[in-house]
Amino acid sequence: MKIIWNDREPIYVQLYQYLARLIVEQVIDEGEALPSVRDIASEQRVNPITVSRAIQLLVDDNIVEKRRGLGMFVIEGASATLKAQLRQNFLSDEWPNIRRRIDLLGLSVEQLLKDTDL
C-alpha cells in the first residue's frame, strides 16, 4: 500500500503513523516481523534512513523490538498500547475542535447518533 504523503509532517512521522496503523488494524500481528527497512524504503520510495527513524520511534514507544539477526518484531500488547495512544491523542488534539464545531452547528447527541443520511 502506497502512502500519500503530506507537507504538514516529516516523512518519518507519517511512516511511523502508517506502520502503527498496520499494527492496530492487525495487518501486522503482534509477534510478527516488520518488513525490512530496505523493503519498506523500496515500496514507499523513501530513503532507508527515513525508514530507520520511523522504526526507531516504534522502538522508543515499546511497539517493536529488535531481535538480533532476525529483524524487528511487534511486541505483544503493541496494538493495545497504540490504541491507548490514539485515544489520548484524539481526546486531547482532535475532540476539542470537533466539539466546538458540534456546538457551533447546534447538533444534539441524538442527531449525531441517528442513523440517517444528511
C-alpha atoms as a PDB file:
ATOM      1  CA  MET A   1       0.000   0.000   0.000  1.00  0.00           C
ATOM      2  CA  LYS A   2       1.438   3.313  -1.094  1.00  0.00           C
ATOM      3  CA  ILE A   3       1.362   6.199   1.384  1.00  0.00           C
ATOM      4  CA  ILE A   4       0.031   9.544   0.186  1.00  0.00           C
ATOM      5  CA  TRP A   5       2.492  11.989   1.730  1.00  0.00           C
ATOM      6  CA  ASN A   6       1.517  15.374   3.098  1.00  0.00           C
ATOM      7  CA  ASP A   7       3.616  18.503   3.629  1.00  0.00           C
ATOM      8  CA  ARG A   8       2.499  19.076   7.231  1.00  0.00           C
ATOM      9  CA  GLU A   9       4.597  16.401   8.928  1.00  0.00           C
ATOM     10  CA  PRO A  10       8.044  14.894   8.366  1.00  0.00           C
ATOM     11  CA  ILE A  11       8.033  11.765   6.228  1.00  0.00           C
ATOM     12  CA  TYR A  12       9.427   9.610   9.051  1.00  0.00           C
ATOM     13  CA  VAL A  13       6.488  10.632  11.273  1.00  0.00           C
ATOM     14  CA  GLN A  14       3.999   9.781   8.518  1.00  0.00           C
ATOM     15  CA  LEU A  15       5.749   6.443   8.028  1.00  0.00           C
ATOM     16  CA  TYR A  16       5.575   5.802  11.793  1.00  0.00           C
ATOM     17  CA  GLN A  17       1.830   6.519  11.691  1.00  0.00           C
ATOM     18  CA  TYR A  18       1.406   4.203   8.708  1.00  0.00           C
ATOM     19  CA  LEU A  19       3.229   1.320  10.415  1.00  0.00           C
ATOM     20  CA  ALA A  20       1.333   1.959  13.651  1.00  0.00           C
ATOM     21  CA  ARG A  21      -1.966   1.793  11.720  1.00  0.00           C
ATOM     22  CA  LEU A  22      -0.931  -1.532  10.180  1.00  0.00           C
ATOM     23  CA  ILE A  23      -0.309  -2.870  13.696  1.00  0.00           C
ATOM     24  CA  VAL A  24      -3.590  -1.505  15.122  1.00  0.00           C
ATOM     25  CA  GLU A  25      -5.529  -2.912  12.170  1.00  0.00           C
ATOM     26  CA  GLN A  26      -3.683  -6.225  12.651  1.00  0.00           C
ATOM     27  CA  VAL A  27      -2.285  -6.227   9.129  1.00  0.00           C
ATOM     28  CA  ILE A  28       0.951  -6.861  11.005  1.00  0.00           C
ATOM     29  CA  ASP A  29       0.138  -9.005  14.041  1.00  0.00           C
ATOM     30  CA  GLU A  30       1.777  -8.975  17.446  1.00  0.00           C
ATOM     31  CA  GLY A  31       4.786 -11.275  17.421  1.00  0.00           C
ATOM     32  CA  GLU A  32       5.180 -10.856  13.661  1.00  0.00           C
ATOM     33  CA  ALA A  33       8.214  -9.346  11.951  1.00  0.00           C
ATOM     34  CA  LEU A  34       8.046  -5.935  10.328  1.00  0.00           C
ATOM     35  CA  PRO A  35       9.070  -5.791   6.692  1.00  0.00           C
ATOM     36  CA  SER A  36      12.762  -4.974   6.323  1.00  0.00           C
ATOM     37  CA  VAL A  37      13.976  -1.386   6.137  1.00  0.00           C
ATOM     38  CA  ARG A  38      15.023  -1.991   2.541  1.00  0.00           C
ATOM     39  CA  ASP A  39      11.643  -3.434   1.593  1.00  0.00           C
ATOM     40  CA  ILE A  40       9.749  -0.514   3.135  1.00  0.00           C
ATOM     41  CA  ALA A  41      12.123   2.040   1.598  1.00  0.00           C
ATOM     42  CA  SER A  42      11.753   0.461  -1.825  1.00  0.00           C
ATOM     43  CA  GLU A  43       7.958   0.119  -1.597  1.00  0.00           C
ATOM     44  CA  GLN A  44       7.429   3.680  -0.368  1.00  0.00           C
ATOM     45  CA  ARG A  45      10.268   5.199  -2.420  1.00  0.00           C
ATOM     46  CA  VAL A  46      11.962   6.825   0.566  1.00  0.00           C
ATOM     47  CA  ASN A  47      15.463   6.822   1.962  1.00  0.00           C
ATOM     48  CA  PRO A  48      16.278   3.813   4.199  1.00  0.00           C
ATOM     49  CA  ILE A  49      17.481   6.253   6.885  1.00  0.00           C
ATOM     50  CA  THR A  50      13.979   7.756   6.942  1.00  0.00           C
ATOM     51  CA  VAL A  51      12.520   4.268   7.445  1.00  0.00           C
ATOM     52  CA  SER A  52      15.019   3.586  10.231  1.00  0.00           C
ATOM     53  CA  ARG A  53      13.954   6.790  12.000  1.00  0.00           C
ATOM     54  CA  ALA A  54      10.290   5.746  11.825  1.00  0.00           C
ATOM     55  CA  ILE A  55      11.073   2.280  13.157  1.00  0.00           C
ATOM     56  CA  GLN A  56      13.182   3.801  15.941  1.00  0.00           C
ATOM     57  CA  LEU A  57      10.094   5.735  17.064  1.00  0.00           C
ATOM     58  CA  LEU A  58       8.243   2.413  17.275  1.00  0.00           C
ATOM     59  CA  VAL A  59      11.103   1.008  19.364  1.00  0.00           C
ATOM     60  CA  ASP A  60      11.086   4.094  21.608  1.00  0.00           C
ATOM     61  CA  ASP A  61       7.337   3.644  22.149  1.00  0.00           C
ATOM     62  CA  ASN A  62       7.802  -0.057  23.030  1.00  0.00           C
ATOM     63  CA  ILE A  63       5.822  -1.162  19.989  1.00  0.00           C
ATOM     64  CA  VAL A  64       8.548  -3.170  18.277  1.00  0.00           C
ATOM     65  CA  GLU A  65      11.774  -4.809  19.417  1.00  0.00           C
ATOM     66  CA  LYS A  66      14.930  -5.785  17.626  1.00  0.00           C
ATOM     67  CA  ARG A  67      15.835  -9.446  17.630  1.00  0.00           C
ATOM     68  CA  ARG A  68      19.471  -9.714  16.754  1.00  0.00           C
ATOM     69  CA  GLY A  69      19.970 -11.358  13.402  1.00  0.00           C
ATOM     70  CA  LEU A  70      16.220 -11.729  12.837  1.00  0.00           C
ATOM     71  CA  GLY A  71      14.834  -8.210  12.413  1.00  0.00           C
ATOM     72  CA  MET A  72      12.206  -6.063  14.083  1.00  0.00           C
ATOM     73  CA  PHE A  73       9.181  -7.718  15.699  1.00  0.00           C
ATOM     74  CA  VAL A  74       5.903  -6.335  17.027  1.00  0.00           C
ATOM     75  CA  ILE A  75       5.755  -6.669  20.814  1.00  0.00           C
ATOM     76  CA  GLU A  76       2.813  -8.447  22.473  1.00  0.00           C
ATOM     77  CA  GLY A  77       0.321  -5.803  23.621  1.00  0.00           C
ATOM     78  CA  ALA A  78       1.518  -3.298  20.998  1.00  0.00           C
ATOM     79  CA  SER A  79      -1.940  -2.899  19.475  1.00  0.00           C
ATOM     80  CA  ALA A  80      -3.494  -2.017  22.839  1.00  0.00           C
ATOM     81  CA  THR A  81      -0.657   0.417  23.561  1.00  0.00           C
ATOM     82  CA  LEU A  82      -1.142   2.127  20.208  1.00  0.00           C
ATOM     83  CA  LYS A  83      -4.927   2.282  20.631  1.00  0.00           C
ATOM     84  CA  ALA A  84      -4.473   3.941  24.036  1.00  0.00           C
ATOM     85  CA  GLN A  85      -2.098   6.494  22.478  1.00  0.00           C
ATOM     86  CA  LEU A  86      -4.517   7.127  19.598  1.00  0.00           C
ATOM     87  CA  ARG A  87      -7.426   7.581  22.024  1.00  0.00           C
ATOM     88  CA  GLN A  88      -5.433  10.058  24.100  1.00  0.00           C
ATOM     89  CA  ASN A  89      -4.330  11.987  21.007  1.00  0.00           C
ATOM     90  CA  PHE A  90      -7.908  12.085  19.723  1.00  0.00           C
ATOM     91  CA  LEU A  91      -9.269  13.352  23.034  1.00  0.00           C
ATOM     92  CA  SER A  92      -6.592  15.997  23.518  1.00  0.00           C
ATOM     93  CA  ASP A  93      -5.949  17.127  19.925  1.00  0.00           C
ATOM     94  CA  GLU A  94      -8.972  16.381  17.736  1.00  0.00           C
ATOM     95  CA  TRP A  95     -12.006  16.184  20.003  1.00  0.00           C
ATOM     96  CA  PRO A  96     -11.921  19.814  21.251  1.00  0.00           C
ATOM     97  CA  ASN A  97     -12.211  21.082  17.650  1.00  0.00           C
ATOM     98  CA  ILE A  98     -14.942  18.577  16.820  1.00  0.00           C
ATOM     99  CA  ARG A  99     -16.820  19.530  19.992  1.00  0.00           C
ATOM    100  CA  ARG A 100     -16.620  23.234  19.139  1.00  0.00           C
ATOM    101  CA  ARG A 101     -17.969  22.505  15.651  1.00  0.00           C
ATOM    102  CA  ILE A 102     -20.840  20.413  17.069  1.00  0.00           C
ATOM    103  CA  ASP A 103     -21.739  23.243  19.453  1.00  0.00           C
ATOM    104  CA  LEU A 104     -21.464  25.837  16.665  1.00  0.00           C
ATOM    105  CA  LEU A 105     -23.832  23.831  14.465  1.00  0.00           C
ATOM    106  CA  GLY A 106     -26.266  23.242  17.332  1.00  0.00           C
ATOM    107  CA  LEU A 107     -26.217  19.462  16.919  1.00  0.00           C
ATOM    108  CA  SER A 108     -27.564  17.214  19.665  1.00  0.00           C
ATOM    109  CA  VAL A 109     -26.264  13.807  20.738  1.00  0.00           C
ATOM    110  CA  GLU A 110     -29.433  12.278  19.305  1.00  0.00           C
ATOM    111  CA  GLN A 111     -28.800  13.874  15.923  1.00  0.00           C
ATOM    112  CA  LEU A 112     -25.199  12.678  15.907  1.00  0.00           C
ATOM    113  CA  LEU A 113     -26.114   9.131  16.828  1.00  0.00           C
ATOM    114  CA  LYS A 114     -29.081   8.936  14.478  1.00  0.00           C
ATOM    115  CA  ASP A 115     -28.509   6.642  11.525  1.00  0.00           C
ATOM    116  CA  THR A 116     -29.641   8.941   8.718  1.00  0.00           C
ATOM    117  CA  ASP A 117     -28.312  10.414   5.541  1.00  0.00           C
ATOM    118  CA  LEU A 118     -27.722  14.133   5.893  1.00  0.00           C
END
